[in-house]
Amino acid sequence: MPTELDSREIVREINRLTTDLVATGLLDDQNWPTAKTHQGIDYVSVPTSVGSAVLKYKSYANLYSEVREGRAFNLLFLDGAMLQMDYEFRGSNIVRHRLSFFPSPDLLEYQTAPDTYFNEQLFSDIVGPQVHPVALRLDFDAREGVSQNILHPTSHMTLGQYSNCRIPITGPVSPGVFLDFIVRSFYWTPSVTTPVIISDSVFASGATITEDERRVLHIALP
């Protein structure tokens, strides 16, 4: 029977996934999530955070520096990439999430000293000179009046810092699905596999994609 995700289950899942990933040797640092309640909303995030409004008009290099220096990340990978997971719940219902992947804007350090960070095969695939880092973010916002059919899907992925790039997603994304996507996409090579076990946890809200959004290119969750 799938576990229905609420704020407590989200914290447990992030903690378990972090522990599993630490064992792989891919991480340089990590922050453990905390849960707090304010005005009926349960928030799950890292102890320190950098508001999206503050970062909105910054260059990517400055955005990356503020997140890293402020330790507003859940996971810091060996190549300098950061992963951030924030969730908001009202009871057992998810209200919002922001799941972000911030690759390092400067891979020169890792390209000139690969043995310090990775075995040769993994290094060449992840931080080789052919790599161009692109940030991505998976947003979910079920608050009334926020979403707009096709133009601003309730759940969507943004690539880079393009404000109008919103690729529809069928529903809210769990920490396990997000982390598995990141590891399989950016840290998975034929010779080095890093398994991440996706839990069978689900959100009470289920699918939020509209019929119009299903007719355009979109991301279907497992």
Protein backbone atom coordinates (compact mmCIF):
# COMPACT_ATOMS: atom_id res chain seq x y z
CA MET A 1 0.00 0.00 0.00
CA PRO A 2 1.59 3.33 -1.04
CA THR A 3 2.46 5.78 1.74
CA GLU A 4 0.53 9.05 1.45
CA LEU A 5 2.99 11.91 1.73
CA ASP A 6 2.55 14.69 4.27
CA SER A 7 5.18 16.94 5.85
CA ARG A 8 6.41 14.25 8.27
CA GLU A 9 6.71 11.63 5.55
CA ILE A 10 8.51 14.11 3.30
CA VAL A 11 11.14 14.72 6.01
CA ARG A 12 11.58 10.97 6.49
CA GLU A 13 11.93 10.37 2.76
CA ILE A 14 14.47 13.17 2.27
CA ASN A 15 16.49 11.92 5.25
CA ARG A 16 16.51 8.36 3.91
CA LEU A 17 17.48 9.43 0.41
CA THR A 18 20.24 11.69 1.75
CA THR A 19 21.66 8.83 3.82
CA ASP A 20 21.57 6.51 0.80
CA LEU A 21 23.30 9.08 -1.42
CA VAL A 22 26.01 9.83 1.17
CA ALA A 23 26.95 6.15 0.96
CA THR A 24 27.61 6.45 -2.80
CA GLY A 25 30.41 8.97 -2.33
CA LEU A 26 28.87 11.50 -4.73
CA LEU A 27 28.24 14.15 -2.07
CA ASP A 28 30.57 16.78 -0.69
CA ASP A 29 28.12 18.17 1.89
CA GLN A 30 24.49 17.98 2.95
CA ASN A 31 21.92 19.74 5.12
CA TRP A 32 19.11 17.86 6.82
CA PRO A 33 15.55 19.14 6.37
CA THR A 34 13.46 20.67 9.12
CA ALA A 35 9.68 20.96 9.48
CA LYS A 36 7.86 23.90 11.00
CA THR A 37 4.26 25.13 11.09
CA HIS A 38 3.05 28.69 10.60
CA GLN A 39 -0.58 29.79 10.28
CA GLY A 40 -1.78 26.30 9.48
CA ILE A 41 0.88 25.60 6.82
CA ASP A 42 3.56 22.95 7.37
CA TYR A 43 6.88 23.91 5.80
CA VAL A 44 9.68 21.47 4.99
CA SER A 45 13.02 22.99 3.98
CA VAL A 46 16.67 23.26 4.97
CA PRO A 47 17.39 25.39 8.08
CA THR A 48 18.59 28.34 5.97
CA SER A 49 16.94 29.53 2.79
CA VAL A 50 17.30 32.22 0.14
CA GLY A 51 14.00 33.66 -1.06
CA SER A 52 13.15 33.29 -4.74
CA ALA A 53 12.22 36.99 -4.95
CA VAL A 54 15.74 37.94 -3.82
CA LEU A 55 17.31 35.76 -6.51
CA LYS A 56 14.89 36.50 -9.32
CA TYR A 57 16.88 39.10 -11.22
CA LYS A 58 20.41 37.98 -10.38
CA SER A 59 22.85 36.46 -12.82
CA TYR A 60 23.13 32.70 -12.52
CA ALA A 61 26.66 32.96 -11.10
CA ASN A 62 25.43 35.30 -8.33
CA LEU A 63 22.37 33.15 -7.69
CA TYR A 64 24.55 30.07 -7.33
CA SER A 65 26.97 31.86 -4.99
CA GLU A 66 24.18 33.11 -2.70
CA VAL A 67 22.59 29.67 -2.42
CA ARG A 68 25.93 27.99 -1.73
CA GLU A 69 27.29 30.61 0.67
CA GLY A 70 23.95 30.69 2.48
CA ARG A 71 23.96 26.88 2.68
CA ALA A 72 20.42 26.88 1.29
CA PHE A 73 20.82 23.42 -0.21
CA ASN A 74 19.90 19.88 0.76
CA LEU A 75 22.71 18.24 -1.18
CA LEU A 76 26.06 19.49 -2.50
CA PHE A 77 27.58 17.13 -5.06
CA LEU A 78 31.31 16.68 -5.64
CA ASP A 79 31.15 18.64 -8.88
CA GLY A 80 29.70 21.65 -7.04
CA ALA A 81 26.09 21.09 -8.12
CA MET A 82 23.43 21.73 -5.48
CA LEU A 83 19.99 20.27 -4.99
CA GLN A 84 17.26 22.07 -3.05
CA MET A 85 13.86 20.72 -1.95
CA ASP A 86 11.14 22.87 -0.34
CA TYR A 87 7.58 21.68 0.38
CA GLU A 88 4.47 23.24 1.90
CA PHE A 89 1.43 21.32 3.17
CA ARG A 90 -1.94 22.09 4.68
CA GLY A 91 -2.68 18.92 6.61
CA SER A 92 -2.14 16.02 4.21
CA ASN A 93 -2.63 18.20 1.12
CA ILE A 94 0.40 19.58 -0.68
CA VAL A 95 0.14 23.30 -1.38
CA ARG A 96 3.48 24.12 -3.00
CA HIS A 97 6.89 22.72 -3.76
CA ARG A 98 10.08 24.06 -5.29
CA LEU A 99 12.67 21.46 -6.32
CA SER A 100 15.83 22.97 -7.78
CA PHE A 101 19.05 21.71 -9.32
CA PHE A 102 21.91 24.23 -9.49
CA PRO A 103 24.96 22.95 -11.39
CA SER A 104 28.21 24.77 -10.77
CA PRO A 105 28.62 27.71 -13.18
CA ASP A 106 32.39 27.15 -13.22
CA LEU A 107 33.65 23.60 -13.74
CA LEU A 108 37.28 24.61 -14.33
CA GLU A 109 38.38 23.42 -10.89
CA TYR A 110 36.91 19.98 -11.50
CA GLN A 111 38.19 19.80 -15.08
CA THR A 112 41.80 20.55 -14.07
CA ALA A 113 41.90 18.24 -11.02
CA PRO A 114 39.60 15.31 -11.78
CA ASP A 115 41.39 12.77 -9.59
CA THR A 116 40.51 14.87 -6.55
CA TYR A 117 36.81 14.36 -7.17
CA PHE A 118 35.94 11.41 -9.40
CA ASN A 119 37.23 8.33 -11.06
CA GLU A 120 38.18 9.09 -14.66
CA GLN A 121 35.09 7.67 -16.37
CA LEU A 122 32.57 9.39 -14.12
CA PHE A 123 34.50 12.66 -14.26
CA SER A 124 34.69 12.79 -18.04
CA ASP A 125 30.95 12.32 -18.45
CA ILE A 126 29.89 14.79 -15.75
CA VAL A 127 32.34 17.71 -15.86
CA GLY A 128 34.21 17.28 -19.14
CA PRO A 129 34.78 20.30 -21.42
CA GLN A 130 31.71 19.36 -23.48
CA VAL A 131 29.40 19.98 -20.51
CA HIS A 132 27.34 23.18 -20.39
CA PRO A 133 25.62 23.55 -16.98
CA VAL A 134 21.90 24.33 -17.06
CA ALA A 135 19.83 24.90 -13.93
CA LEU A 136 16.37 23.41 -13.65
CA ARG A 137 13.47 23.82 -11.28
CA LEU A 138 10.27 21.83 -10.70
CA ASP A 139 7.52 24.00 -9.25
CA PHE A 140 4.11 23.10 -7.89
CA ASP A 141 1.57 25.64 -6.66
CA ALA A 142 -2.02 24.65 -5.93
CA ARG A 143 -3.06 27.96 -4.37
CA GLU A 144 -6.21 29.47 -5.82
CA GLY A 145 -5.63 31.91 -8.66
CA VAL A 146 -1.98 31.01 -9.28
CA SER A 147 -2.14 28.47 -12.09
CA GLN A 148 -3.30 29.28 -15.61
CA ASN A 149 -4.15 26.61 -18.17
CA ILE A 150 -1.08 25.82 -20.35
CA LEU A 151 0.55 29.21 -19.66
CA HIS A 152 1.24 28.45 -15.98
CA PRO A 153 0.54 24.79 -15.15
CA THR A 154 0.00 23.88 -11.50
CA SER A 155 3.04 21.60 -11.74
CA HIS A 156 5.80 22.41 -14.23
CA MET A 157 9.52 22.36 -14.97
CA THR A 158 11.58 25.44 -15.82
CA LEU A 159 14.92 25.17 -17.63
CA GLY A 160 17.59 27.80 -17.07
CA GLN A 161 16.31 31.16 -15.88
CA TYR A 162 13.72 31.61 -18.59
CA SER A 163 10.74 33.08 -16.76
CA ASN A 164 8.16 31.81 -19.26
CA CYS A 165 9.59 28.31 -19.66
CA ARG A 166 7.00 26.09 -17.95
CA ILE A 167 6.84 22.49 -19.19
CA PRO A 168 3.70 20.86 -17.71
CA ILE A 169 4.11 17.96 -15.27
CA THR A 170 1.21 15.65 -14.47
CA GLY A 171 1.30 16.36 -10.73
CA PRO A 172 3.46 17.17 -7.68
CA VAL A 173 6.88 15.51 -7.57
CA SER A 174 8.11 13.50 -4.58
CA PRO A 175 11.71 13.75 -3.30
CA GLY A 176 12.44 10.20 -4.48
CA VAL A 177 11.26 10.83 -8.04
CA PHE A 178 13.18 14.12 -8.21
CA LEU A 179 16.43 12.74 -6.85
CA ASP A 180 16.24 9.65 -9.05
CA PHE A 181 15.74 11.91 -12.08
CA ILE A 182 18.79 14.02 -11.17
CA VAL A 183 21.08 11.05 -10.52
CA ARG A 184 19.99 9.13 -13.62
CA SER A 185 20.29 12.22 -15.83
CA PHE A 186 23.58 13.71 -14.57
CA TYR A 187 25.44 11.10 -12.51
CA TRP A 188 24.79 7.87 -14.36
CA THR A 189 27.36 6.33 -16.72
CA PRO A 190 27.70 2.89 -18.36
CA SER A 191 30.57 2.00 -16.03
CA VAL A 192 29.39 3.71 -12.86
CA THR A 193 25.80 3.21 -11.78
CA THR A 194 24.38 4.92 -8.72
CA PRO A 195 21.04 3.38 -7.85
CA VAL A 196 18.47 5.50 -6.08
CA ILE A 197 15.44 3.64 -4.81
CA ILE A 198 12.19 5.44 -5.53
CA SER A 199 9.65 4.92 -2.79
CA ASP A 200 6.03 4.17 -3.67
CA SER A 201 4.91 7.29 -1.80
CA VAL A 202 2.13 9.34 -3.35
CA PHE A 203 0.46 12.70 -2.84
CA ALA A 204 -3.19 12.89 -1.87
CA SER A 205 -3.85 15.44 -4.62
CA GLY A 206 -3.01 13.03 -7.45
CA ALA A 207 -2.77 14.41 -11.00
CA THR A 208 -3.23 18.15 -11.51
CA ILE A 209 -2.51 18.46 -15.24
CA THR A 210 -5.36 19.75 -17.41
CA GLU A 211 -6.62 18.09 -20.59
CA ASP A 212 -5.21 20.98 -22.66
CA GLU A 213 -1.81 20.54 -21.04
CA ARG A 214 -1.87 16.82 -21.86
CA ARG A 215 -2.16 17.76 -25.56
CA VAL A 216 1.19 19.57 -25.54
CA LEU A 217 4.65 18.28 -24.68
CA HIS A 218 4.60 17.40 -20.98
CA ILE A 219 6.27 15.25 -18.33
CA ALA A 220 4.39 12.19 -17.07
CA LEU A 221 5.29 11.08 -13.55
CA PRO A 222 5.77 7.36 -12.82
